[in-house]
Amino acid sequence: MAKDGAFCPLIQKTCIEQKCAWYIKLAGTNKNTGLSVDEWGCAVAWMPMLLIENANEARQMGAAIESLRNENVRGQDATRLAMMNGLANATFRIEGGDA
């Protein structure tokens, strides 16, 4: 990702690429294009793209959790309704005691 002569704001010099601890290999799939990504670059330069990807993953996780919650609520409602119908149709007898 570093271009020839790219300026590094961390060391205030030209990028030293693999000699730098911040120079990482990023491998995966570009969500926008669907193409495979397998390149070396500065972690600082990758940061905006990785933050956007992280936000998208968090949004998807929130939607999945909300969907699971809605399914659980529907199940609980069905169970509560079945129990209420069972109680309404039940006959109770109290034994013992003087009335």
PDB file of N, CA and C in Angstrom:
ATOM      1  N   MET A   1       0.833  -1.193   0.000  1.00  0.00           N
ATOM      2  CA  MET A   1       0.000   0.000   0.000  1.00  0.00           C
ATOM      3  C   MET A   1       0.874   1.252   0.000  1.00  0.00           C
ATOM      4  N   ALA A   2       2.065   1.136   0.549  1.00  0.00           N
ATOM      5  CA  ALA A   2       2.955   2.298   0.567  1.00  0.00           C
ATOM      6  C   ALA A   2       3.472   2.564  -0.842  1.00  0.00           C
ATOM      7  N   LYS A   3       3.379   3.780  -1.248  1.00  0.00           N
ATOM      8  CA  LYS A   3       3.881   4.175  -2.560  1.00  0.00           C
ATOM      9  C   LYS A   3       5.359   4.528  -2.423  1.00  0.00           C
ATOM     10  N   ASP A   4       6.086   4.446  -3.528  1.00  0.00           N
ATOM     11  CA  ASP A   4       7.494   4.834  -3.498  1.00  0.00           C
ATOM     12  C   ASP A   4       7.603   6.263  -2.998  1.00  0.00           C
ATOM     13  N   GLY A   5       8.420   6.455  -1.966  1.00  0.00           N
ATOM     14  CA  GLY A   5       8.613   7.792  -1.423  1.00  0.00           C
ATOM     15  C   GLY A   5       7.476   8.261  -0.537  1.00  0.00           C
ATOM     16  N   ALA A   6       6.599   7.330  -0.086  1.00  0.00           N
ATOM     17  CA  ALA A   6       5.477   7.720   0.761  1.00  0.00           C
ATOM     18  C   ALA A   6       6.005   8.222   2.104  1.00  0.00           C
ATOM     19  N   PHE A   7       5.441   9.322   2.555  1.00  0.00           N
ATOM     20  CA  PHE A   7       5.845   9.933   3.825  1.00  0.00           C
ATOM     21  C   PHE A   7       5.143   9.234   4.974  1.00  0.00           C
ATOM     22  N   CYS A   8       5.899   8.878   6.005  1.00  0.00           N
ATOM     23  CA  CYS A   8       5.337   8.247   7.191  1.00  0.00           C
ATOM     24  C   CYS A   8       5.207   9.294   8.295  1.00  0.00           C
ATOM     25  N   PRO A   9       3.976   9.550   8.768  1.00  0.00           N
ATOM     26  CA  PRO A   9       3.794  10.537   9.833  1.00  0.00           C
ATOM     27  C   PRO A   9       4.305  10.038  11.199  1.00  0.00           C
ATOM     28  N   LEU A  10       4.515   8.731  11.334  1.00  0.00           N
ATOM     29  CA  LEU A  10       4.975   8.189  12.607  1.00  0.00           C
ATOM     30  C   LEU A  10       6.458   8.461  12.849  1.00  0.00           C
ATOM     31  N   ILE A  11       7.269   8.294  11.807  1.00  0.00           N
ATOM     32  CA  ILE A  11       8.714   8.500  11.969  1.00  0.00           C
ATOM     33  C   ILE A  11       9.184   9.794  11.305  1.00  0.00           C
ATOM     34  N   GLN A  12       8.251  10.497  10.673  1.00  0.00           N
ATOM     35  CA  GLN A  12       8.549  11.776  10.001  1.00  0.00           C
ATOM     36  C   GLN A  12       9.616  11.615   8.921  1.00  0.00           C
ATOM     37  N   LYS A  13       9.568  10.478   8.216  1.00  0.00           N
ATOM     38  CA  LYS A  13      10.508  10.179   7.135  1.00  0.00           C
ATOM     39  C   LYS A  13       9.776   9.393   6.053  1.00  0.00           C
ATOM     40  N   THR A  14      10.519   8.971   5.048  1.00  0.00           N
ATOM     41  CA  THR A  14       9.979   8.093   4.014  1.00  0.00           C
ATOM     42  C   THR A  14       9.670   6.726   4.633  1.00  0.00           C
ATOM     43  N   CYS A  15       8.588   6.107   4.202  1.00  0.00           N
ATOM     44  CA  CYS A  15       8.157   4.804   4.728  1.00  0.00           C
ATOM     45  C   CYS A  15       9.280   3.776   4.590  1.00  0.00           C
ATOM     46  N   ILE A  16       9.502   3.012   5.666  1.00  0.00           N
ATOM     47  CA  ILE A  16      10.557   1.992   5.655  1.00  0.00           C
ATOM     48  C   ILE A  16       9.968   0.589   5.454  1.00  0.00           C
ATOM     49  N   GLU A  17       8.686   0.513   5.175  1.00  0.00           N
ATOM     50  CA  GLU A  17       7.942  -0.712   4.863  1.00  0.00           C
ATOM     51  C   GLU A  17       8.204  -1.849   5.844  1.00  0.00           C
ATOM     52  N   GLN A  18       8.720  -3.019   5.404  1.00  0.00           N
ATOM     53  CA  GLN A  18       8.822  -4.195   6.262  1.00  0.00           C
ATOM     54  C   GLN A  18       9.687  -4.019   7.504  1.00  0.00           C
ATOM     55  N   LYS A  19      10.464  -2.996   7.564  1.00  0.00           N
ATOM     56  CA  LYS A  19      11.272  -2.741   8.758  1.00  0.00           C
ATOM     57  C   LYS A  19      10.428  -2.138   9.885  1.00  0.00           C
ATOM     58  N   CYS A  20       9.244  -1.716   9.570  1.00  0.00           N
ATOM     59  CA  CYS A  20       8.360  -1.045  10.524  1.00  0.00           C
ATOM     60  C   CYS A  20       7.363  -2.039  11.124  1.00  0.00           C
ATOM     61  N   ALA A  21       7.133  -1.933  12.430  1.00  0.00           N
ATOM     62  CA  ALA A  21       6.175  -2.813  13.111  1.00  0.00           C
ATOM     63  C   ALA A  21       4.735  -2.530  12.672  1.00  0.00           C
ATOM     64  N   TRP A  22       4.481  -1.341  12.149  1.00  0.00           N
ATOM     65  CA  TRP A  22       3.135  -0.957  11.722  1.00  0.00           C
ATOM     66  C   TRP A  22       2.839  -1.410  10.296  1.00  0.00           C
ATOM     67  N   TYR A  23       3.813  -1.965   9.622  1.00  0.00           N
ATOM     68  CA  TYR A  23       3.638  -2.428   8.247  1.00  0.00           C
ATOM     69  C   TYR A  23       3.111  -3.857   8.309  1.00  0.00           C
ATOM     70  N   ILE A  24       1.855  -4.058   7.925  1.00  0.00           N
ATOM     71  CA  ILE A  24       1.185  -5.351   8.111  1.00  0.00           C
ATOM     72  C   ILE A  24       0.672  -5.902   6.796  1.00  0.00           C
ATOM     73  N   LYS A  25       0.379  -7.192   6.808  1.00  0.00           N
ATOM     74  CA  LYS A  25      -0.247  -7.835   5.656  1.00  0.00           C
ATOM     75  C   LYS A  25      -1.734  -7.947   5.931  1.00  0.00           C
ATOM     76  N   LEU A  26      -2.530  -7.473   5.004  1.00  0.00           N
ATOM     77  CA  LEU A  26      -3.984  -7.539   5.135  1.00  0.00           C
ATOM     78  C   LEU A  26      -4.490  -8.525   4.087  1.00  0.00           C
ATOM     79  N   ALA A  27      -5.194  -9.545   4.541  1.00  0.00           N
ATOM     80  CA  ALA A  27      -5.732 -10.562   3.642  1.00  0.00           C
ATOM     81  C   ALA A  27      -7.213 -10.728   3.927  1.00  0.00           C
ATOM     82  N   GLY A  28      -7.999 -10.864   2.889  1.00  0.00           N
ATOM     83  CA  GLY A  28      -9.441 -11.036   3.047  1.00  0.00           C
ATOM     84  C   GLY A  28     -10.151 -10.719   1.748  1.00  0.00           C
ATOM     85  N   THR A  29     -11.396 -10.318   1.868  1.00  0.00           N
ATOM     86  CA  THR A  29     -12.212  -9.985   0.706  1.00  0.00           C
ATOM     87  C   THR A  29     -12.714  -8.566   0.830  1.00  0.00           C
ATOM     88  N   ASN A  30     -12.555  -7.799  -0.225  1.00  0.00           N
ATOM     89  CA  ASN A  30     -13.072  -6.441  -0.264  1.00  0.00           C
ATOM     90  C   ASN A  30     -14.590  -6.523  -0.420  1.00  0.00           C
ATOM     91  N   LYS A  31     -15.319  -6.043   0.577  1.00  0.00           N
ATOM     92  CA  LYS A  31     -16.787  -6.139   0.568  1.00  0.00           C
ATOM     93  C   LYS A  31     -17.413  -5.328  -0.571  1.00  0.00           C
ATOM     94  N   ASN A  32     -16.751  -4.269  -0.998  1.00  0.00           N
ATOM     95  CA  ASN A  32     -17.304  -3.423  -2.054  1.00  0.00           C
ATOM     96  C   ASN A  32     -17.181  -4.060  -3.431  1.00  0.00           C
ATOM     97  N   THR A  33     -16.058  -4.715  -3.686  1.00  0.00           N
ATOM     98  CA  THR A  33     -15.819  -5.271  -5.019  1.00  0.00           C
ATOM     99  C   THR A  33     -15.950  -6.781  -5.063  1.00  0.00           C
ATOM    100  N   GLY A  34     -15.841  -7.449  -3.912  1.00  0.00           N
ATOM    101  CA  GLY A  34     -15.874  -8.899  -3.864  1.00  0.00           C
ATOM    102  C   GLY A  34     -14.546  -9.534  -4.235  1.00  0.00           C
ATOM    103  N   LEU A  35     -13.543  -8.709  -4.528  1.00  0.00           N
ATOM    104  CA  LEU A  35     -12.229  -9.217  -4.917  1.00  0.00           C
ATOM    105  C   LEU A  35     -11.400  -9.564  -3.689  1.00  0.00           C
ATOM    106  N   SER A  36     -10.512 -10.515  -3.880  1.00  0.00           N
ATOM    107  CA  SER A  36      -9.622 -10.927  -2.804  1.00  0.00           C
ATOM    108  C   SER A  36      -8.566  -9.853  -2.571  1.00  0.00           C
ATOM    109  N   VAL A  37      -8.298  -9.558  -1.300  1.00  0.00           N
ATOM    110  CA  VAL A  37      -7.274  -8.581  -0.922  1.00  0.00           C
ATOM    111  C   VAL A  37      -6.158  -9.342  -0.230  1.00  0.00           C
ATOM    112  N   ASP A  38      -4.931  -9.135  -0.684  1.00  0.00           N
ATOM    113  CA  ASP A  38      -3.767  -9.785  -0.097  1.00  0.00           C
ATOM    114  C   ASP A  38      -2.580  -8.863  -0.342  1.00  0.00           C
ATOM    115  N   GLU A  39      -2.472  -7.820   0.475  1.00  0.00           N
ATOM    116  CA  GLU A  39      -1.393  -6.864   0.265  1.00  0.00           C
ATOM    117  C   GLU A  39      -0.825  -6.348   1.572  1.00  0.00           C
ATOM    118  N   TRP A  40       0.390  -5.875   1.461  1.00  0.00           N
ATOM    119  CA  TRP A  40       1.087  -5.269   2.571  1.00  0.00           C
ATOM    120  C   TRP A  40       0.814  -3.780   2.589  1.00  0.00           C
ATOM    121  N   GLY A  41       0.745  -3.201   3.782  1.00  0.00           N
ATOM    122  CA  GLY A  41       0.533  -1.769   3.887  1.00  0.00           C
ATOM    123  C   GLY A  41       0.670  -1.297   5.323  1.00  0.00           C
ATOM    124  N   CYS A  42       0.625  -0.015   5.474  1.00  0.00           N
ATOM    125  CA  CYS A  42       0.740   0.615   6.786  1.00  0.00           C
ATOM    126  C   CYS A  42      -0.579   0.460   7.549  1.00  0.00           C
ATOM    127  N   ALA A  43      -0.491   0.002   8.799  1.00  0.00           N
ATOM    128  CA  ALA A  43      -1.683  -0.176   9.622  1.00  0.00           C
ATOM    129  C   ALA A  43      -2.429   1.144   9.812  1.00  0.00           C
ATOM    130  N   VAL A  44      -1.683   2.234   9.879  1.00  0.00           N
ATOM    131  CA  VAL A  44      -2.310   3.549  10.033  1.00  0.00           C
ATOM    132  C   VAL A  44      -3.118   3.892   8.787  1.00  0.00           C
ATOM    133  N   ALA A  45      -2.589   3.543   7.625  1.00  0.00           N
ATOM    134  CA  ALA A  45      -3.304   3.814   6.373  1.00  0.00           C
ATOM    135  C   ALA A  45      -4.522   2.899   6.214  1.00  0.00           C
ATOM    136  N   TRP A  46      -4.448   1.679   6.735  1.00  0.00           N
ATOM    137  CA  TRP A  46      -5.570   0.742   6.648  1.00  0.00           C
ATOM    138  C   TRP A  46      -6.698   1.120   7.620  1.00  0.00           C
ATOM    139  N   MET A  47      -6.382   1.900   8.639  1.00  0.00           N
ATOM    140  CA  MET A  47      -7.322   2.164   9.731  1.00  0.00           C
ATOM    141  C   MET A  47      -8.718   2.631   9.280  1.00  0.00           C
ATOM    142  N   PRO A  48      -8.869   3.603   8.385  1.00  0.00           N
ATOM    143  CA  PRO A  48     -10.232   4.018   8.015  1.00  0.00           C
ATOM    144  C   PRO A  48     -11.067   2.879   7.424  1.00  0.00           C
ATOM    145  N   MET A  49     -10.472   2.081   6.546  1.00  0.00           N
ATOM    146  CA  MET A  49     -11.202   0.976   5.945  1.00  0.00           C
ATOM    147  C   MET A  49     -11.570  -0.071   7.009  1.00  0.00           C
ATOM    148  N   LEU A  50     -10.647  -0.360   7.918  1.00  0.00           N
ATOM    149  CA  LEU A  50     -10.918  -1.350   8.956  1.00  0.00           C
ATOM    150  C   LEU A  50     -11.982  -0.859   9.939  1.00  0.00           C
ATOM    151  N   LEU A  51     -11.981   0.431  10.236  1.00  0.00           N
ATOM    152  CA  LEU A  51     -13.010   0.986  11.129  1.00  0.00           C
ATOM    153  C   LEU A  51     -14.399   0.901  10.499  1.00  0.00           C
ATOM    154  N   ILE A  52     -14.479   1.177   9.208  1.00  0.00           N
ATOM    155  CA  ILE A  52     -15.763   1.072   8.501  1.00  0.00           C
ATOM    156  C   ILE A  52     -16.243  -0.373   8.500  1.00  0.00           C
ATOM    157  N   GLU A  53     -15.336  -1.301   8.229  1.00  0.00           N
ATOM    158  CA  GLU A  53     -15.687  -2.723   8.232  1.00  0.00           C
ATOM    159  C   GLU A  53     -16.148  -3.162   9.613  1.00  0.00           C
ATOM    160  N   ASN A  54     -15.458  -2.703  10.648  1.00  0.00           N
ATOM    161  CA  ASN A  54     -15.836  -3.049  12.017  1.00  0.00           C
ATOM    162  C   ASN A  54     -17.229  -2.505  12.347  1.00  0.00           C
ATOM    163  N   ALA A  55     -17.521  -1.288  11.927  1.00  0.00           N
ATOM    164  CA  ALA A  55     -18.843  -0.705  12.178  1.00  0.00           C
ATOM    165  C   ALA A  55     -19.931  -1.503  11.464  1.00  0.00           C
ATOM    166  N   ASN A  56     -19.663  -1.940  10.239  1.00  0.00           N
ATOM    167  CA  ASN A  56     -20.640  -2.746   9.499  1.00  0.00           C
ATOM    168  C   ASN A  56     -20.890  -4.081  10.195  1.00  0.00           C
ATOM    169  N   GLU A  57     -19.824  -4.718  10.673  1.00  0.00           N
ATOM    170  CA  GLU A  57     -19.975  -5.989  11.378  1.00  0.00           C
ATOM    171  C   GLU A  57     -20.772  -5.801  12.669  1.00  0.00           C
ATOM    172  N   ALA A  58     -20.522  -4.725  13.384  1.00  0.00           N
ATOM    173  CA  ALA A  58     -21.259  -4.444  14.621  1.00  0.00           C
ATOM    174  C   ALA A  58     -22.742  -4.206  14.323  1.00  0.00           C
ATOM    175  N   ARG A  59     -23.017  -3.510  13.228  1.00  0.00           N
ATOM    176  CA  ARG A  59     -24.412  -3.256  12.836  1.00  0.00           C
ATOM    177  C   ARG A  59     -25.118  -4.569  12.512  1.00  0.00           C
ATOM    178  N   GLN A  60     -24.440  -5.454  11.785  1.00  0.00           N
ATOM    179  CA  GLN A  60     -25.030  -6.757  11.454  1.00  0.00           C
ATOM    180  C   GLN A  60     -25.259  -7.591  12.709  1.00  0.00           C
ATOM    181  N   MET A  61     -24.323  -7.520  13.640  1.00  0.00           N
ATOM    182  CA  MET A  61     -24.466  -8.262  14.891  1.00  0.00           C
ATOM    183  C   MET A  61     -25.667  -7.734  15.676  1.00  0.00           C
ATOM    184  N   GLY A  62     -25.847  -6.424  15.718  1.00  0.00           N
ATOM    185  CA  GLY A  62     -26.999  -5.837  16.407  1.00  0.00           C
ATOM    186  C   GLY A  62     -28.315  -6.292  15.796  1.00  0.00           C
ATOM    187  N   ALA A  63     -28.365  -6.361  14.469  1.00  0.00           N
ATOM    188  CA  ALA A  63     -29.580  -6.810  13.789  1.00  0.00           C
ATOM    189  C   ALA A  63     -29.859  -8.276  14.088  1.00  0.00           C
ATOM    190  N   ALA A  64     -28.809  -9.099  14.143  1.00  0.00           N
ATOM    191  CA  ALA A  64     -28.990 -10.517  14.451  1.00  0.00           C
ATOM    192  C   ALA A  64     -29.488 -10.701  15.880  1.00  0.00           C
ATOM    193  N   ILE A  65     -28.960  -9.933  16.803  1.00  0.00           N
ATOM    194  CA  ILE A  65     -29.385 -10.024  18.207  1.00  0.00           C
ATOM    195  C   ILE A  65     -30.835  -9.573  18.346  1.00  0.00           C
ATOM    196  N   GLU A  66     -31.206  -8.511  17.639  1.00  0.00           N
ATOM    197  CA  GLU A  66     -32.594  -8.043  17.693  1.00  0.00           C
ATOM    198  C   GLU A  66     -33.540  -9.100  17.129  1.00  0.00           C
ATOM    199  N   SER A  67     -33.145  -9.750  16.047  1.00  0.00           N
ATOM    200  CA  SER A  67     -33.963 -10.802  15.459  1.00  0.00           C
ATOM    201  C   SER A  67     -34.133 -11.968  16.437  1.00  0.00           C
ATOM    202  N   LEU A  68     -33.055 -12.368  17.095  1.00  0.00           N
ATOM    203  CA  LEU A  68     -33.123 -13.435  18.085  1.00  0.00           C
ATOM    204  C   LEU A  68     -34.031 -13.042  19.247  1.00  0.00           C
ATOM    205  N   ARG A  69     -33.931 -11.805  19.686  1.00  0.00           N
ATOM    206  CA  ARG A  69     -34.778 -11.328  20.769  1.00  0.00           C
ATOM    207  C   ARG A  69     -36.254 -11.395  20.374  1.00  0.00           C
ATOM    208  N   ASN A  70     -36.566 -10.969  19.146  1.00  0.00           N
ATOM    209  CA  ASN A  70     -37.956 -11.007  18.681  1.00  0.00           C
ATOM    210  C   ASN A  70     -38.488 -12.436  18.627  1.00  0.00           C
ATOM    211  N   GLU A  71     -37.656 -13.383  18.185  1.00  0.00           N
ATOM    212  CA  GLU A  71     -38.066 -14.793  18.166  1.00  0.00           C
ATOM    213  C   GLU A  71     -38.332 -15.294  19.577  1.00  0.00           C
ATOM    214  N   ASN A  72     -37.479 -14.920  20.525  1.00  0.00           N
ATOM    215  CA  ASN A  72     -37.670 -15.340  21.915  1.00  0.00           C
ATOM    216  C   ASN A  72     -38.954 -14.766  22.492  1.00  0.00           C
ATOM    217  N   VAL A  73     -39.239 -13.510  22.200  1.00  0.00           N
ATOM    218  CA  VAL A  73     -40.466 -12.881  22.703  1.00  0.00           C
ATOM    219  C   VAL A  73     -41.689 -13.590  22.134  1.00  0.00           C
ATOM    220  N   ARG A  74     -41.657 -13.921  20.833  1.00  0.00           N
ATOM    221  CA  ARG A  74     -42.788 -14.644  20.229  1.00  0.00           C
ATOM    222  C   ARG A  74     -42.979 -16.006  20.905  1.00  0.00           C
ATOM    223  N   GLY A  75     -41.890 -16.694  21.170  1.00  0.00           N
ATOM    224  CA  GLY A  75     -41.975 -17.998  21.838  1.00  0.00           C
ATOM    225  C   GLY A  75     -42.528 -17.875  23.247  1.00  0.00           C
ATOM    226  N   GLN A  76     -42.087 -16.863  23.978  1.00  0.00           N
ATOM    227  CA  GLN A  76     -42.574 -16.648  25.336  1.00  0.00           C
ATOM    228  C   GLN A  76     -44.058 -16.293  25.324  1.00  0.00           C
ATOM    229  N   ASP A  77     -44.472 -15.501  24.340  1.00  0.00           N
ATOM    230  CA  ASP A  77     -45.894 -15.139  24.239  1.00  0.00           C
ATOM    231  C   ASP A  77     -46.748 -16.378  23.977  1.00  0.00           C
ATOM    232  N   ALA A  78     -46.256 -17.256  23.099  1.00  0.00           N
ATOM    233  CA  ALA A  78     -47.007 -18.478  22.799  1.00  0.00           C
ATOM    234  C   ALA A  78     -47.098 -19.371  24.030  1.00  0.00           C
ATOM    235  N   THR A  79     -46.007 -19.491  24.772  1.00  0.00           N
ATOM    236  CA  THR A  79     -46.006 -20.302  25.994  1.00  0.00           C
ATOM    237  C   THR A  79     -46.944 -19.712  27.036  1.00  0.00           C
ATOM    238  N   ARG A  80     -46.903 -18.391  27.212  1.00  0.00           N
ATOM    239  CA  ARG A  80     -47.773 -17.736  28.186  1.00  0.00           C
ATOM    240  C   ARG A  80     -49.247 -17.923  27.812  1.00  0.00           C
ATOM    241  N   LEU A  81     -49.570 -17.811  26.526  1.00  0.00           N
ATOM    242  CA  LEU A  81     -50.946 -17.990  26.074  1.00  0.00           C
ATOM    243  C   LEU A  81     -51.413 -19.425  26.325  1.00  0.00           C
ATOM    244  N   ALA A  82     -50.550 -20.390  26.045  1.00  0.00           N
ATOM    245  CA  ALA A  82     -50.906 -21.796  26.280  1.00  0.00           C
ATOM    246  C   ALA A  82     -51.142 -22.046  27.770  1.00  0.00           C
ATOM    247  N   MET A  83     -50.303 -21.466  28.616  1.00  0.00           N
ATOM    248  CA  MET A  83     -50.474 -21.639  30.061  1.00  0.00           C
ATOM    249  C   MET A  83     -51.760 -20.979  30.540  1.00  0.00           C
ATOM    250  N   MET A  84     -52.066 -19.803  30.041  1.00  0.00           N
ATOM    251  CA  MET A  84     -53.289 -19.104  30.457  1.00  0.00           C
ATOM    252  C   MET A  84     -54.531 -19.886  30.011  1.00  0.00           C
ATOM    253  N   ASN A  85     -54.490 -20.438  28.807  1.00  0.00           N
ATOM    254  CA  ASN A  85     -55.621 -21.253  28.339  1.00  0.00           C
ATOM    255  C   ASN A  85     -55.765 -22.508  29.187  1.00  0.00           C
ATOM    256  N   GLY A  86     -54.630 -23.086  29.558  1.00  0.00           N
ATOM    257  CA  GLY A  86     -54.671 -24.278  30.411  1.00  0.00           C
ATOM    258  C   GLY A  86     -55.245 -23.960  31.782  1.00  0.00           C
ATOM    259  N   LEU A  87     -54.876 -22.824  32.341  1.00  0.00           N
ATOM    260  CA  LEU A  87     -55.403 -22.428  33.654  1.00  0.00           C
ATOM    261  C   LEU A  87     -56.886 -22.090  33.571  1.00  0.00           C
ATOM    262  N   ALA A  88     -57.321 -21.489  32.489  1.00  0.00           N
ATOM    263  CA  ALA A  88     -58.730 -21.112  32.338  1.00  0.00           C
ATOM    264  C   ALA A  88     -59.610 -22.347  32.235  1.00  0.00           C
ATOM    265  N   ASN A  89     -59.072 -23.415  31.669  1.00  0.00           N
ATOM    266  CA  ASN A  89     -59.865 -24.636  31.485  1.00  0.00           C
ATOM    267  C   ASN A  89     -59.686 -25.631  32.631  1.00  0.00           C
ATOM    268  N   ALA A  90     -58.846 -25.341  33.585  1.00  0.00           N
ATOM    269  CA  ALA A  90     -58.572 -26.265  34.692  1.00  0.00           C
ATOM    270  C   ALA A  90     -59.640 -26.132  35.756  1.00  0.00           C
ATOM    271  N   THR A  91     -59.902 -27.229  36.427  1.00  0.00           N
ATOM    272  CA  THR A  91     -60.822 -27.247  37.550  1.00  0.00           C
ATOM    273  C   THR A  91     -60.005 -27.449  38.818  1.00  0.00           C
ATOM    274  N   PHE A  92     -60.212 -26.564  39.762  1.00  0.00           N
ATOM    275  CA  PHE A  92     -59.456 -26.638  41.007  1.00  0.00           C
ATOM    276  C   PHE A  92     -60.359 -27.151  42.106  1.00  0.00           C
ATOM    277  N   ARG A  93     -59.805 -28.019  42.918  1.00  0.00           N
ATOM    278  CA  ARG A  93     -60.551 -28.521  44.063  1.00  0.00           C
ATOM    279  C   ARG A  93     -59.653 -28.327  45.273  1.00  0.00           C
ATOM    280  N   ILE A  94     -60.233 -27.694  46.278  1.00  0.00           N
ATOM    281  CA  ILE A  94     -59.503 -27.507  47.525  1.00  0.00           C
ATOM    282  C   ILE A  94     -60.044 -28.520  48.504  1.00  0.00           C
ATOM    283  N   GLU A  95     -59.155 -29.343  49.005  1.00  0.00           N
ATOM    284  CA  GLU A  95     -59.566 -30.382  49.948  1.00  0.00           C
ATOM    285  C   GLU A  95     -59.110 -30.050  51.337  1.00  0.00           C
ATOM    286  N   GLY A  96     -59.864 -30.518  52.290  1.00  0.00           N
ATOM    287  CA  GLY A  96     -59.513 -30.322  53.682  1.00  0.00           C
ATOM    288  C   GLY A  96     -59.999 -28.963  54.169  1.00  0.00           C
ATOM    289  N   GLY A  97     -59.873 -28.766  55.424  1.00  0.00           N
ATOM    290  CA  GLY A  97     -60.272 -27.503  56.030  1.00  0.00           C
ATOM    291  C   GLY A  97     -61.759 -27.443  56.262  1.00  0.00           C
ATOM    292  N   ASP A  98     -62.167 -26.703  57.230  1.00  0.00           N
ATOM    293  CA  ASP A  98     -63.575 -26.525  57.549  1.00  0.00           C
ATOM    294  C   ASP A  98     -64.053 -25.218  56.956  1.00  0.00           C
ATOM    295  N   ALA A  99     -65.106 -25.308  56.200  1.00  0.00           N
ATOM    296  CA  ALA A  99     -65.609 -24.099  55.585  1.00  0.00           C
ATOM    297  C   ALA A  99     -67.000 -23.808  56.021  1.00  0.00           C
TER     298      ALA A  99
END
